């Protein structure tokens, strides 16, 4: 076991070995292989390239070097293309703070049977007069950034439960394809987290309509991990024990305190270490070469196969220009 695995329990070490193909004997070599690919994307500013940071991307992609690098590139490209989203990405930001206080996201204290952290969203809590959907997305991304520091969660991952009880048609009408795609790109395509399941409960018909719209943007693996429980909480409890769930989800614990996770982040004053700005992404090749292996220095002019990492079309997140999915007319 290397120092990079020091935070893992014996059970999680074995899981990393069996499920993720993590090998302590080749760990540093695996990390360097990913780091060596950075030179192929001079259009992206890779603001962190330390061992611990790259390791989380390898774990998210089961130590497939190219897929891990693709995710690393998309992580920074997403931030580079949506600079406004990542300005003042702090728990004290007014929009983020209010979203956190309303339970976006909620984080349960107990892990599930597989060691995964359980996130809960009570959709009806969205106060659209006080903060936007983008604020909710920023609060979720900030929360994930804080939690992914835990190596146990890098290996075991997360579960998301969304309770749509009392989420009105009017609230749903504020969602747009661009908003939802922005969320999918940020969570599915550009973040090094393993999501073991996404559970919808008490969803009305118009949420099924929204899902139909976003389904083409979901990967097959993601689609297979989305469970539509409706009002049948027993099917949810077959996958997540009621002993660790709050009463709102048919669990045996007291009602969830929406401010729990907000207080955790605010008490620690968590924020991203790097303030994303255009200047941060203008790293020169010389800045990158200092971390490359001698082997890669010899082929520093190499490029990725054309089209493999094609830059996605920028998603506009100016909410006033977005068209709604559902019309109230």
C-alpha atoms as a PDB file:
ATOM      1  CA  UNK A   1       0.000   0.000   0.000  1.00  0.00           C
ATOM      2  CA  UNK A   2       1.325   3.431  -0.958  1.00  0.00           C
ATOM      3  CA  UNK A   3       0.735   6.692   0.876  1.00  0.00           C
ATOM      4  CA  UNK A   4      -1.921   7.507  -1.725  1.00  0.00           C
ATOM      5  CA  UNK A   5      -4.007   4.615  -0.366  1.00  0.00           C
ATOM      6  CA  UNK A   6      -3.488   5.499   3.298  1.00  0.00           C
ATOM      7  CA  UNK A   7      -7.075   6.703   3.752  1.00  0.00           C
ATOM      8  CA  UNK A   8      -8.645   3.422   2.655  1.00  0.00           C
ATOM      9  CA  UNK A   9      -9.951   0.704   4.955  1.00  0.00           C
ATOM     10  CA  UNK A  10      -8.858  -2.903   4.275  1.00  0.00           C
ATOM     11  CA  UNK A  11     -12.306  -3.627   2.804  1.00  0.00           C
ATOM     12  CA  UNK A  12     -12.130  -0.642   0.470  1.00  0.00           C
ATOM     13  CA  UNK A  13      -8.579  -1.491  -0.543  1.00  0.00           C
ATOM     14  CA  UNK A  14      -9.791  -4.902  -1.644  1.00  0.00           C
ATOM     15  CA  UNK A  15     -12.743  -3.334  -3.459  1.00  0.00           C
ATOM     16  CA  UNK A  16     -10.410  -0.936  -5.280  1.00  0.00           C
ATOM     17  CA  UNK A  17      -8.256  -3.870  -6.326  1.00  0.00           C
ATOM     18  CA  UNK A  18     -11.108  -6.104  -7.520  1.00  0.00           C
ATOM     19  CA  UNK A  19     -13.594  -3.592  -8.969  1.00  0.00           C
ATOM     20  CA  UNK A  20     -11.344  -0.752 -10.096  1.00  0.00           C
ATOM     21  CA  UNK A  21      -8.172  -2.706 -10.961  1.00  0.00           C
ATOM     22  CA  UNK A  22      -6.158  -0.479  -8.614  1.00  0.00           C
ATOM     23  CA  UNK A  23      -2.654  -1.872  -8.150  1.00  0.00           C
ATOM     24  CA  UNK A  24      -0.394  -0.276  -5.508  1.00  0.00           C
ATOM     25  CA  UNK A  25       2.689  -1.515  -7.358  1.00  0.00           C
ATOM     26  CA  UNK A  26       1.849   0.466 -10.503  1.00  0.00           C
ATOM     27  CA  UNK A  27      -0.095   3.352  -8.974  1.00  0.00           C
ATOM     28  CA  UNK A  28       2.510   6.036  -9.586  1.00  0.00           C
ATOM     29  CA  UNK A  29       3.053   4.778 -13.130  1.00  0.00           C
ATOM     30  CA  UNK A  30      -0.697   4.879 -13.783  1.00  0.00           C
ATOM     31  CA  UNK A  31      -0.870   8.465 -12.561  1.00  0.00           C
ATOM     32  CA  UNK A  32       2.103   9.488 -14.691  1.00  0.00           C
ATOM     33  CA  UNK A  33       0.553   7.908 -17.793  1.00  0.00           C
ATOM     34  CA  UNK A  34      -2.452  10.194 -17.370  1.00  0.00           C
ATOM     35  CA  UNK A  35      -0.295  13.218 -16.603  1.00  0.00           C
ATOM     36  CA  UNK A  36       1.735  12.588 -19.761  1.00  0.00           C
ATOM     37  CA  UNK A  37      -1.376  13.069 -21.892  1.00  0.00           C
ATOM     38  CA  UNK A  38      -1.869  16.661 -20.738  1.00  0.00           C
ATOM     39  CA  UNK A  39       0.491  17.936 -23.419  1.00  0.00           C
ATOM     40  CA  UNK A  40      -2.003  16.763 -26.062  1.00  0.00           C
ATOM     41  CA  UNK A  41      -4.574  19.346 -24.951  1.00  0.00           C
ATOM     42  CA  UNK A  42      -2.822  22.742 -24.929  1.00  0.00           C
ATOM     43  CA  UNK A  43      -6.249  24.389 -25.296  1.00  0.00           C
ATOM     44  CA  UNK A  44      -7.150  23.456 -21.719  1.00  0.00           C
ATOM     45  CA  UNK A  45      -5.671  24.847 -18.521  1.00  0.00           C
ATOM     46  CA  UNK A  46      -5.117  21.902 -16.182  1.00  0.00           C
ATOM     47  CA  UNK A  47      -5.036  23.773 -12.879  1.00  0.00           C
ATOM     48  CA  UNK A  48      -4.268  20.707 -10.746  1.00  0.00           C
ATOM     49  CA  UNK A  49      -2.091  17.781 -11.771  1.00  0.00           C
ATOM     50  CA  UNK A  50      -0.863  16.411  -8.444  1.00  0.00           C
ATOM     51  CA  UNK A  51      -0.931  12.669  -7.765  1.00  0.00           C
ATOM     52  CA  UNK A  52      -3.890  12.669  -5.374  1.00  0.00           C
ATOM     53  CA  UNK A  53      -5.990  14.723  -7.777  1.00  0.00           C
ATOM     54  CA  UNK A  54      -5.314  12.556 -10.833  1.00  0.00           C
ATOM     55  CA  UNK A  55      -5.929   9.408  -8.784  1.00  0.00           C
ATOM     56  CA  UNK A  56      -9.608  10.265  -8.284  1.00  0.00           C
ATOM     57  CA  UNK A  57     -10.079  10.357 -12.064  1.00  0.00           C
ATOM     58  CA  UNK A  58      -8.405   6.981 -12.463  1.00  0.00           C
ATOM     59  CA  UNK A  59     -10.711   5.529  -9.824  1.00  0.00           C
ATOM     60  CA  UNK A  60     -13.764   7.040 -11.510  1.00  0.00           C
ATOM     61  CA  UNK A  61     -12.827   5.286 -14.770  1.00  0.00           C
ATOM     62  CA  UNK A  62     -11.542   1.990 -13.341  1.00  0.00           C
ATOM     63  CA  UNK A  63      -7.927   2.788 -14.186  1.00  0.00           C
ATOM     64  CA  UNK A  64      -8.475   3.073 -17.897  1.00  0.00           C
ATOM     65  CA  UNK A  65      -5.768   5.641 -18.590  1.00  0.00           C
ATOM     66  CA  UNK A  66      -7.328   7.232 -21.653  1.00  0.00           C
ATOM     67  CA  UNK A  67     -10.831   7.403 -20.163  1.00  0.00           C
ATOM     68  CA  UNK A  68      -9.398   8.898 -16.974  1.00  0.00           C
ATOM     69  CA  UNK A  69      -7.607  11.557 -19.008  1.00  0.00           C
ATOM     70  CA  UNK A  70     -10.742  12.223 -21.042  1.00  0.00           C
ATOM     71  CA  UNK A  71     -12.629  12.853 -17.800  1.00  0.00           C
ATOM     72  CA  UNK A  72      -9.816  15.046 -16.440  1.00  0.00           C
ATOM     73  CA  UNK A  73      -9.864  17.115 -19.630  1.00  0.00           C
ATOM     74  CA  UNK A  74     -13.639  17.429 -19.566  1.00  0.00           C
ATOM     75  CA  UNK A  75     -13.533  18.449 -15.893  1.00  0.00           C
ATOM     76  CA  UNK A  76     -11.398  21.489 -16.666  1.00  0.00           C
ATOM     77  CA  UNK A  77     -12.989  22.182 -20.044  1.00  0.00           C
ATOM     78  CA  UNK A  78     -16.434  22.352 -18.430  1.00  0.00           C
ATOM     79  CA  UNK A  79     -15.133  24.920 -15.956  1.00  0.00           C
ATOM     80  CA  UNK A  80     -13.317  26.780 -18.693  1.00  0.00           C
ATOM     81  CA  UNK A  81     -16.476  27.035 -20.793  1.00  0.00           C
ATOM     82  CA  UNK A  82     -18.746  28.009 -17.890  1.00  0.00           C
ATOM     83  CA  UNK A  83     -16.576  30.504 -16.039  1.00  0.00           C
ATOM     84  CA  UNK A  84     -19.475  32.380 -14.450  1.00  0.00           C
ATOM     85  CA  UNK A  85     -20.662  29.211 -12.731  1.00  0.00           C
ATOM     86  CA  UNK A  86     -17.372  28.807 -10.931  1.00  0.00           C
ATOM     87  CA  UNK A  87     -16.799  32.377  -9.838  1.00  0.00           C
ATOM     88  CA  UNK A  88     -17.093  32.646  -6.059  1.00  0.00           C
ATOM     89  CA  UNK A  89     -17.837  28.925  -5.754  1.00  0.00           C
ATOM     90  CA  UNK A  90     -18.114  29.102  -1.980  1.00  0.00           C
ATOM     91  CA  UNK A  91     -20.654  28.077   0.633  1.00  0.00           C
ATOM     92  CA  UNK A  92     -20.982  31.746   1.598  1.00  0.00           C
ATOM     93  CA  UNK A  93     -22.100  32.807  -1.898  1.00  0.00           C
ATOM     94  CA  UNK A  94     -25.702  34.071  -1.394  1.00  0.00           C
ATOM     95  CA  UNK A  95     -27.321  31.806  -3.993  1.00  0.00           C
ATOM     96  CA  UNK A  96     -25.329  28.730  -2.999  1.00  0.00           C
ATOM     97  CA  UNK A  97     -25.896  29.380   0.696  1.00  0.00           C
ATOM     98  CA  UNK A  98     -29.669  29.576   0.316  1.00  0.00           C
ATOM     99  CA  UNK A  99     -29.760  26.458  -1.867  1.00  0.00           C
ATOM    100  CA  UNK A 100     -27.708  24.576   0.727  1.00  0.00           C
ATOM    101  CA  UNK A 101     -30.016  25.704   3.535  1.00  0.00           C
ATOM    102  CA  UNK A 102     -32.988  24.327   1.606  1.00  0.00           C
ATOM    103  CA  UNK A 103     -31.293  20.960   1.305  1.00  0.00           C
ATOM    104  CA  UNK A 104     -29.721  21.180  -2.148  1.00  0.00           C
ATOM    105  CA  UNK A 105     -28.172  18.781  -1.542  1.00  0.00           C
ATOM    106  CA  UNK A 106     -29.022  16.984   1.656  1.00  0.00           C
ATOM    107  CA  UNK A 107     -26.372  14.520   2.831  1.00  0.00           C
ATOM    108  CA  UNK A 108     -27.347  11.630   5.082  1.00  0.00           C
ATOM    109  CA  UNK A 109     -25.060  10.738   7.970  1.00  0.00           C
ATOM    110  CA  UNK A 110     -25.127   6.982   7.335  1.00  0.00           C
ATOM    111  CA  UNK A 111     -23.587   5.200   4.366  1.00  0.00           C
ATOM    112  CA  UNK A 112     -25.471   2.519   2.469  1.00  0.00           C
ATOM    113  CA  UNK A 113     -24.523  -1.160   2.619  1.00  0.00           C
ATOM    114  CA  UNK A 114     -21.855  -0.619  -0.056  1.00  0.00           C
ATOM    115  CA  UNK A 115     -20.183   2.281   1.716  1.00  0.00           C
ATOM    116  CA  UNK A 116     -21.718   4.906  -0.568  1.00  0.00           C
ATOM    117  CA  UNK A 117     -22.668   8.395   0.570  1.00  0.00           C
ATOM    118  CA  UNK A 118     -26.377   9.110   0.165  1.00  0.00           C
ATOM    119  CA  UNK A 119     -27.450  12.484  -1.219  1.00  0.00           C
ATOM    120  CA  UNK A 120     -31.100  13.536  -1.023  1.00  0.00           C
ATOM    121  CA  UNK A 121     -32.945  16.290  -2.871  1.00  0.00           C
ATOM    122  CA  UNK A 122     -36.448  17.383  -1.862  1.00  0.00           C
ATOM    123  CA  UNK A 123     -37.401  19.086  -5.109  1.00  0.00           C
ATOM    124  CA  UNK A 124     -40.382  21.030  -3.763  1.00  0.00           C
ATOM    125  CA  UNK A 125     -38.014  23.035  -1.528  1.00  0.00           C
ATOM    126  CA  UNK A 126     -36.780  24.992  -4.551  1.00  0.00           C
ATOM    127  CA  UNK A 127     -37.715  28.606  -3.860  1.00  0.00           C
ATOM    128  CA  UNK A 128     -37.442  30.049  -7.345  1.00  0.00           C
ATOM    129  CA  UNK A 129     -37.862  33.602  -6.074  1.00  0.00           C
ATOM    130  CA  UNK A 130     -34.608  33.400  -4.066  1.00  0.00           C
ATOM    131  CA  UNK A 131     -32.168  31.327  -6.112  1.00  0.00           C
ATOM    132  CA  UNK A 132     -31.870  29.707  -9.514  1.00  0.00           C
ATOM    133  CA  UNK A 133     -31.423  26.195 -10.821  1.00  0.00           C
ATOM    134  CA  UNK A 134     -27.817  27.121 -11.593  1.00  0.00           C
ATOM    135  CA  UNK A 135     -27.358  28.029  -7.906  1.00  0.00           C
ATOM    136  CA  UNK A 136     -28.613  24.543  -7.013  1.00  0.00           C
ATOM    137  CA  UNK A 137     -26.192  22.970  -9.485  1.00  0.00           C
ATOM    138  CA  UNK A 138     -23.330  25.059  -8.082  1.00  0.00           C
ATOM    139  CA  UNK A 139     -24.236  23.981  -4.539  1.00  0.00           C
ATOM    140  CA  UNK A 140     -24.236  20.328  -5.602  1.00  0.00           C
ATOM    141  CA  UNK A 141     -20.897  20.644  -7.412  1.00  0.00           C
ATOM    142  CA  UNK A 142     -19.350  22.439  -4.424  1.00  0.00           C
ATOM    143  CA  UNK A 143     -20.644  19.696  -2.124  1.00  0.00           C
ATOM    144  CA  UNK A 144     -19.241  16.961  -4.343  1.00  0.00           C
ATOM    145  CA  UNK A 145     -15.884  18.737  -4.446  1.00  0.00           C
ATOM    146  CA  UNK A 146     -15.801  18.637  -0.645  1.00  0.00           C
ATOM    147  CA  UNK A 147     -16.881  15.004  -0.374  1.00  0.00           C
ATOM    148  CA  UNK A 148     -14.673  13.617  -3.148  1.00  0.00           C
ATOM    149  CA  UNK A 149     -11.645  14.548  -1.045  1.00  0.00           C
ATOM    150  CA  UNK A 150     -12.493  11.415   0.954  1.00  0.00           C
ATOM    151  CA  UNK A 151     -10.662   8.491  -0.731  1.00  0.00           C
ATOM    152  CA  UNK A 152     -13.292   6.074   0.582  1.00  0.00           C
ATOM    153  CA  UNK A 153     -15.932   7.882  -1.470  1.00  0.00           C
ATOM    154  CA  UNK A 154     -13.665   7.962  -4.516  1.00  0.00           C
ATOM    155  CA  UNK A 155     -13.841   4.174  -4.472  1.00  0.00           C
ATOM    156  CA  UNK A 156     -17.333   3.521  -3.081  1.00  0.00           C
ATOM    157  CA  UNK A 157     -19.165   6.423  -4.695  1.00  0.00           C
ATOM    158  CA  UNK A 158     -22.556   8.030  -4.147  1.00  0.00           C
ATOM    159  CA  UNK A 159     -26.281   7.383  -4.341  1.00  0.00           C
ATOM    160  CA  UNK A 160     -28.787  10.129  -5.165  1.00  0.00           C
ATOM    161  CA  UNK A 161     -32.441  10.139  -4.083  1.00  0.00           C
ATOM    162  CA  UNK A 162     -34.767  12.810  -5.483  1.00  0.00           C
ATOM    163  CA  UNK A 163     -38.158  13.176  -3.807  1.00  0.00           C
ATOM    164  CA  UNK A 164     -40.580  14.930  -6.175  1.00  0.00           C
ATOM    165  CA  UNK A 165     -43.435  15.166  -3.644  1.00  0.00           C
ATOM    166  CA  UNK A 166     -45.340  18.467  -4.027  1.00  0.00           C
ATOM    167  CA  UNK A 167     -43.077  19.601  -6.868  1.00  0.00           C
ATOM    168  CA  UNK A 168     -45.533  21.621  -8.911  1.00  0.00           C
ATOM    169  CA  UNK A 169     -46.067  21.889 -12.633  1.00  0.00           C
ATOM    170  CA  UNK A 170     -45.234  25.585 -12.289  1.00  0.00           C
ATOM    171  CA  UNK A 171     -41.866  24.752 -10.743  1.00  0.00           C
ATOM    172  CA  UNK A 172     -41.180  22.163 -13.434  1.00  0.00           C
ATOM    173  CA  UNK A 173     -42.021  24.675 -16.151  1.00  0.00           C
ATOM    174  CA  UNK A 174     -38.963  26.709 -15.117  1.00  0.00           C
ATOM    175  CA  UNK A 175     -36.638  23.895 -16.139  1.00  0.00           C
ATOM    176  CA  UNK A 176     -35.228  24.043 -19.663  1.00  0.00           C
ATOM    177  CA  UNK A 177     -33.313  21.639 -21.899  1.00  0.00           C
ATOM    178  CA  UNK A 178     -30.222  23.852 -21.617  1.00  0.00           C
ATOM    179  CA  UNK A 179     -30.365  23.819 -17.811  1.00  0.00           C
ATOM    180  CA  UNK A 180     -30.775  20.073 -17.637  1.00  0.00           C
ATOM    181  CA  UNK A 181     -28.046  19.459 -20.170  1.00  0.00           C
ATOM    182  CA  UNK A 182     -25.750  21.759 -18.225  1.00  0.00           C
ATOM    183  CA  UNK A 183     -26.361  19.598 -15.143  1.00  0.00           C
ATOM    184  CA  UNK A 184     -25.799  16.366 -17.050  1.00  0.00           C
ATOM    185  CA  UNK A 185     -22.538  17.618 -18.510  1.00  0.00           C
ATOM    186  CA  UNK A 186     -21.359  18.792 -15.101  1.00  0.00           C
ATOM    187  CA  UNK A 187     -22.266  15.657 -13.159  1.00  0.00           C
ATOM    188  CA  UNK A 188     -22.166  12.772 -15.632  1.00  0.00           C
ATOM    189  CA  UNK A 189     -19.459  13.852 -18.074  1.00  0.00           C
ATOM    190  CA  UNK A 190     -17.152  16.152 -16.122  1.00  0.00           C
ATOM    191  CA  UNK A 191     -16.891  15.046 -12.499  1.00  0.00           C
ATOM    192  CA  UNK A 192     -14.850  12.147 -11.039  1.00  0.00           C
ATOM    193  CA  UNK A 193     -17.593  10.591  -8.942  1.00  0.00           C
ATOM    194  CA  UNK A 194     -19.071   7.107  -9.156  1.00  0.00           C
ATOM    195  CA  UNK A 195     -22.870   7.182  -8.916  1.00  0.00           C
ATOM    196  CA  UNK A 196     -24.236   3.777  -7.986  1.00  0.00           C
ATOM    197  CA  UNK A 197     -27.878   4.759  -8.298  1.00  0.00           C
ATOM    198  CA  UNK A 198     -30.247   7.662  -8.942  1.00  0.00           C
ATOM    199  CA  UNK A 199     -33.658   7.113  -7.390  1.00  0.00           C
ATOM    200  CA  UNK A 200     -36.814   9.073  -8.224  1.00  0.00           C
ATOM    201  CA  UNK A 201     -39.667   8.820  -5.735  1.00  0.00           C
ATOM    202  CA  UNK A 202     -43.158  10.326  -5.853  1.00  0.00           C
ATOM    203  CA  UNK A 203     -42.549  11.702  -9.328  1.00  0.00           C
ATOM    204  CA  UNK A 204     -45.581  13.191 -11.165  1.00  0.00           C
ATOM    205  CA  UNK A 205     -46.248  12.651 -14.862  1.00  0.00           C
ATOM    206  CA  UNK A 206     -44.476  15.808 -15.927  1.00  0.00           C
ATOM    207  CA  UNK A 207     -41.217  14.578 -14.406  1.00  0.00           C
ATOM    208  CA  UNK A 208     -41.513  11.536 -16.648  1.00  0.00           C
ATOM    209  CA  UNK A 209     -41.903  14.002 -19.526  1.00  0.00           C
ATOM    210  CA  UNK A 210     -38.736  15.837 -18.490  1.00  0.00           C
ATOM    211  CA  UNK A 211     -36.870  12.535 -18.236  1.00  0.00           C
ATOM    212  CA  UNK A 212     -37.917  11.676 -21.793  1.00  0.00           C
ATOM    213  CA  UNK A 213     -36.300  14.916 -22.966  1.00  0.00           C
ATOM    214  CA  UNK A 214     -32.971  14.383 -21.185  1.00  0.00           C
ATOM    215  CA  UNK A 215     -32.727  10.629 -21.768  1.00  0.00           C
ATOM    216  CA  UNK A 216     -30.822  10.965 -25.088  1.00  0.00           C
ATOM    217  CA  UNK A 217     -28.061  12.858 -23.249  1.00  0.00           C
ATOM    218  CA  UNK A 218     -27.579  10.104 -20.688  1.00  0.00           C
ATOM    219  CA  UNK A 219     -25.031   7.354 -21.118  1.00  0.00           C
ATOM    220  CA  UNK A 220     -26.310   3.782 -21.163  1.00  0.00           C
ATOM    221  CA  UNK A 221     -24.640   3.143 -17.822  1.00  0.00           C
ATOM    222  CA  UNK A 222     -26.380   6.160 -16.293  1.00  0.00           C
ATOM    223  CA  UNK A 223     -29.790   5.154 -17.692  1.00  0.00           C
ATOM    224  CA  UNK A 224     -29.435   1.686 -16.183  1.00  0.00           C
ATOM    225  CA  UNK A 225     -28.839   3.239 -12.763  1.00  0.00           C
ATOM    226  CA  UNK A 226     -31.945   5.432 -12.736  1.00  0.00           C
ATOM    227  CA  UNK A 227     -34.828   3.907 -10.786  1.00  0.00           C
ATOM    228  CA  UNK A 228     -38.370   5.287 -11.025  1.00  0.00           C
ATOM    229  CA  UNK A 229     -40.103   4.194  -7.815  1.00  0.00           C
ATOM    230  CA  UNK A 230     -43.181   6.408  -7.951  1.00  0.00           C
ATOM    231  CA  UNK A 231     -45.135   6.004  -4.714  1.00  0.00           C
ATOM    232  CA  UNK A 232     -43.715   2.528  -4.096  1.00  0.00           C
ATOM    233  CA  UNK A 233     -41.190   3.186  -1.345  1.00  0.00           C
ATOM    234  CA  UNK A 234     -40.867  -0.559  -0.736  1.00  0.00           C
ATOM    235  CA  UNK A 235     -38.895  -0.863  -3.975  1.00  0.00           C
ATOM    236  CA  UNK A 236     -36.593   1.912  -2.747  1.00  0.00           C
ATOM    237  CA  UNK A 237     -36.128   0.120   0.591  1.00  0.00           C
ATOM    238  CA  UNK A 238     -35.071  -3.048  -1.184  1.00  0.00           C
ATOM    239  CA  UNK A 239     -32.038  -1.145  -2.432  1.00  0.00           C
ATOM    240  CA  UNK A 240     -31.476   1.285   0.454  1.00  0.00           C
ATOM    241  CA  UNK A 241     -32.393   0.087   3.917  1.00  0.00           C
ATOM    242  CA  UNK A 242     -35.113   2.110   5.703  1.00  0.00           C
ATOM    243  CA  UNK A 243     -32.979   2.022   8.865  1.00  0.00           C
ATOM    244  CA  UNK A 244     -30.721   4.718   7.386  1.00  0.00           C
ATOM    245  CA  UNK A 245     -33.415   6.840   5.690  1.00  0.00           C
ATOM    246  CA  UNK A 246     -35.402   9.777   7.109  1.00  0.00           C
ATOM    247  CA  UNK A 247     -39.140   9.480   7.635  1.00  0.00           C
ATOM    248  CA  UNK A 248     -39.921  11.517   4.486  1.00  0.00           C
ATOM    249  CA  UNK A 249     -38.562   8.590   2.478  1.00  0.00           C
ATOM    250  CA  UNK A 250     -40.394   5.989   4.534  1.00  0.00           C
ATOM    251  CA  UNK A 251     -37.365   5.456   6.729  1.00  0.00           C
ATOM    252  CA  UNK A 252     -36.993   4.853  10.445  1.00  0.00           C
ATOM    253  CA  UNK A 253     -34.999   8.002  11.204  1.00  0.00           C
ATOM    254  CA  UNK A 254     -36.457  11.406  12.180  1.00  0.00           C
ATOM    255  CA  UNK A 255     -37.293  13.929   9.430  1.00  0.00           C
ATOM    256  CA  UNK A 256     -34.237  15.239   7.664  1.00  0.00           C
ATOM    257  CA  UNK A 257     -32.848  18.548   8.925  1.00  0.00           C
ATOM    258  CA  UNK A 258     -32.352  20.515   5.719  1.00  0.00           C
ATOM    259  CA  UNK A 259     -29.637  22.694   7.211  1.00  0.00           C
ATOM    260  CA  UNK A 260     -27.347  19.864   8.337  1.00  0.00           C
ATOM    261  CA  UNK A 261     -25.027  19.803   5.335  1.00  0.00           C
ATOM    262  CA  UNK A 262     -25.153  23.585   4.939  1.00  0.00           C
ATOM    263  CA  UNK A 263     -23.853  23.996   8.487  1.00  0.00           C
ATOM    264  CA  UNK A 264     -21.078  21.496   7.782  1.00  0.00           C
ATOM    265  CA  UNK A 265     -19.831  23.428   4.761  1.00  0.00           C
ATOM    266  CA  UNK A 266     -20.266  26.837   6.374  1.00  0.00           C
ATOM    267  CA  UNK A 267     -18.527  25.772   9.585  1.00  0.00           C
ATOM    268  CA  UNK A 268     -15.538  24.655   7.562  1.00  0.00           C
ATOM    269  CA  UNK A 269     -15.868  27.615   5.175  1.00  0.00           C
ATOM    270  CA  UNK A 270     -15.281  25.202   2.315  1.00  0.00           C
ATOM    271  CA  UNK A 271     -14.543  26.648  -1.084  1.00  0.00           C
ATOM    272  CA  UNK A 272     -12.584  25.586  -4.117  1.00  0.00           C
ATOM    273  CA  UNK A 273      -8.904  26.343  -3.800  1.00  0.00           C
ATOM    274  CA  UNK A 274      -8.671  27.879  -7.263  1.00  0.00           C
ATOM    275  CA  UNK A 275     -10.622  30.900  -8.421  1.00  0.00           C
ATOM    276  CA  UNK A 276     -11.473  30.062 -12.017  1.00  0.00           C
ATOM    277  CA  UNK A 277     -10.727  32.937 -14.325  1.00  0.00           C
ATOM    278  CA  UNK A 278      -9.654  33.199 -17.967  1.00  0.00           C
ATOM    279  CA  UNK A 279      -6.053  33.894 -16.989  1.00  0.00           C
ATOM    280  CA  UNK A 280      -5.929  30.647 -15.014  1.00  0.00           C
ATOM    281  CA  UNK A 281      -6.412  28.642 -18.196  1.00  0.00           C
ATOM    282  CA  UNK A 282      -3.632  30.209 -20.247  1.00  0.00           C
ATOM    283  CA  UNK A 283      -0.919  27.813 -19.117  1.00  0.00           C
ATOM    284  CA  UNK A 284       1.957  27.504 -21.536  1.00  0.00           C
ATOM    285  CA  UNK A 285       3.456  24.250 -22.743  1.00  0.00           C
ATOM    286  CA  UNK A 286       6.493  24.983 -20.578  1.00  0.00           C
ATOM    287  CA  UNK A 287       4.221  25.122 -17.537  1.00  0.00           C
ATOM    288  CA  UNK A 288       2.955  21.652 -18.384  1.00  0.00           C
ATOM    289  CA  UNK A 289       6.241  20.060 -19.377  1.00  0.00           C
ATOM    290  CA  UNK A 290       7.718  20.284 -15.901  1.00  0.00           C
ATOM    291  CA  UNK A 291       5.455  17.443 -14.765  1.00  0.00           C
ATOM    292  CA  UNK A 292       5.882  15.228 -17.812  1.00  0.00           C
ATOM    293  CA  UNK A 293       7.978  12.072 -17.868  1.00  0.00           C
ATOM    294  CA  UNK A 294      11.121  11.980 -20.038  1.00  0.00           C
ATOM    295  CA  UNK A 295       9.345   9.558 -22.406  1.00  0.00           C
ATOM    296  CA  UNK A 296       6.591  12.053 -23.050  1.00  0.00           C
ATOM    297  CA  UNK A 297       9.006  14.956 -23.465  1.00  0.00           C
ATOM    298  CA  UNK A 298      10.302  13.210 -26.585  1.00  0.00           C
ATOM    299  CA  UNK A 299       6.830  13.112 -28.091  1.00  0.00           C
ATOM    300  CA  UNK A 300       5.547  16.414 -26.756  1.00  0.00           C
ATOM    301  CA  UNK A 301       4.230  17.378 -30.171  1.00  0.00           C
ATOM    302  CA  UNK A 302       1.896  14.385 -30.380  1.00  0.00           C
ATOM    303  CA  UNK A 303      -1.838  14.941 -30.623  1.00  0.00           C
ATOM    304  CA  UNK A 304      -4.916  12.999 -29.670  1.00  0.00           C
ATOM    305  CA  UNK A 305      -6.674  11.089 -32.426  1.00  0.00           C
ATOM    306  CA  UNK A 306      -8.865  13.613 -34.279  1.00  0.00           C
ATOM    307  CA  UNK A 307     -12.394  13.766 -32.989  1.00  0.00           C
ATOM    308  CA  UNK A 308     -11.774  11.639 -29.896  1.00  0.00           C
ATOM    309  CA  UNK A 309     -11.868  14.567 -27.508  1.00  0.00           C
ATOM    310  CA  UNK A 310     -13.915  16.902 -29.612  1.00  0.00           C
ATOM    311  CA  UNK A 311     -14.755  20.065 -27.769  1.00  0.00           C
ATOM    312  CA  UNK A 312     -18.483  20.132 -26.963  1.00  0.00           C
ATOM    313  CA  UNK A 313     -20.699  23.002 -27.975  1.00  0.00           C
ATOM    314  CA  UNK A 314     -20.789  25.580 -25.214  1.00  0.00           C
ATOM    315  CA  UNK A 315     -23.948  25.524 -23.160  1.00  0.00           C
ATOM    316  CA  UNK A 316     -25.500  28.935 -22.584  1.00  0.00           C
ATOM    317  CA  UNK A 317     -26.668  29.247 -19.004  1.00  0.00           C
ATOM    318  CA  UNK A 318     -28.215  32.690 -19.115  1.00  0.00           C
ATOM    319  CA  UNK A 319     -31.585  31.741 -17.712  1.00  0.00           C
ATOM    320  CA  UNK A 320     -33.448  34.648 -19.245  1.00  0.00           C
ATOM    321  CA  UNK A 321     -32.660  33.262 -22.700  1.00  0.00           C
ATOM    322  CA  UNK A 322     -33.762  29.708 -21.962  1.00  0.00           C
ATOM    323  CA  UNK A 323     -36.954  28.229 -23.367  1.00  0.00           C
ATOM    324  CA  UNK A 324     -39.056  26.126 -20.968  1.00  0.00           C
ATOM    325  CA  UNK A 325     -39.699  22.422 -21.451  1.00  0.00           C
ATOM    326  CA  UNK A 326     -43.243  22.654 -20.127  1.00  0.00           C
ATOM    327  CA  UNK A 327     -45.597  25.470 -20.977  1.00  0.00           C
ATOM    328  CA  UNK A 328     -48.169  26.863 -18.598  1.00  0.00           C
ATOM    329  CA  UNK A 329     -50.209  28.278 -21.479  1.00  0.00           C
END
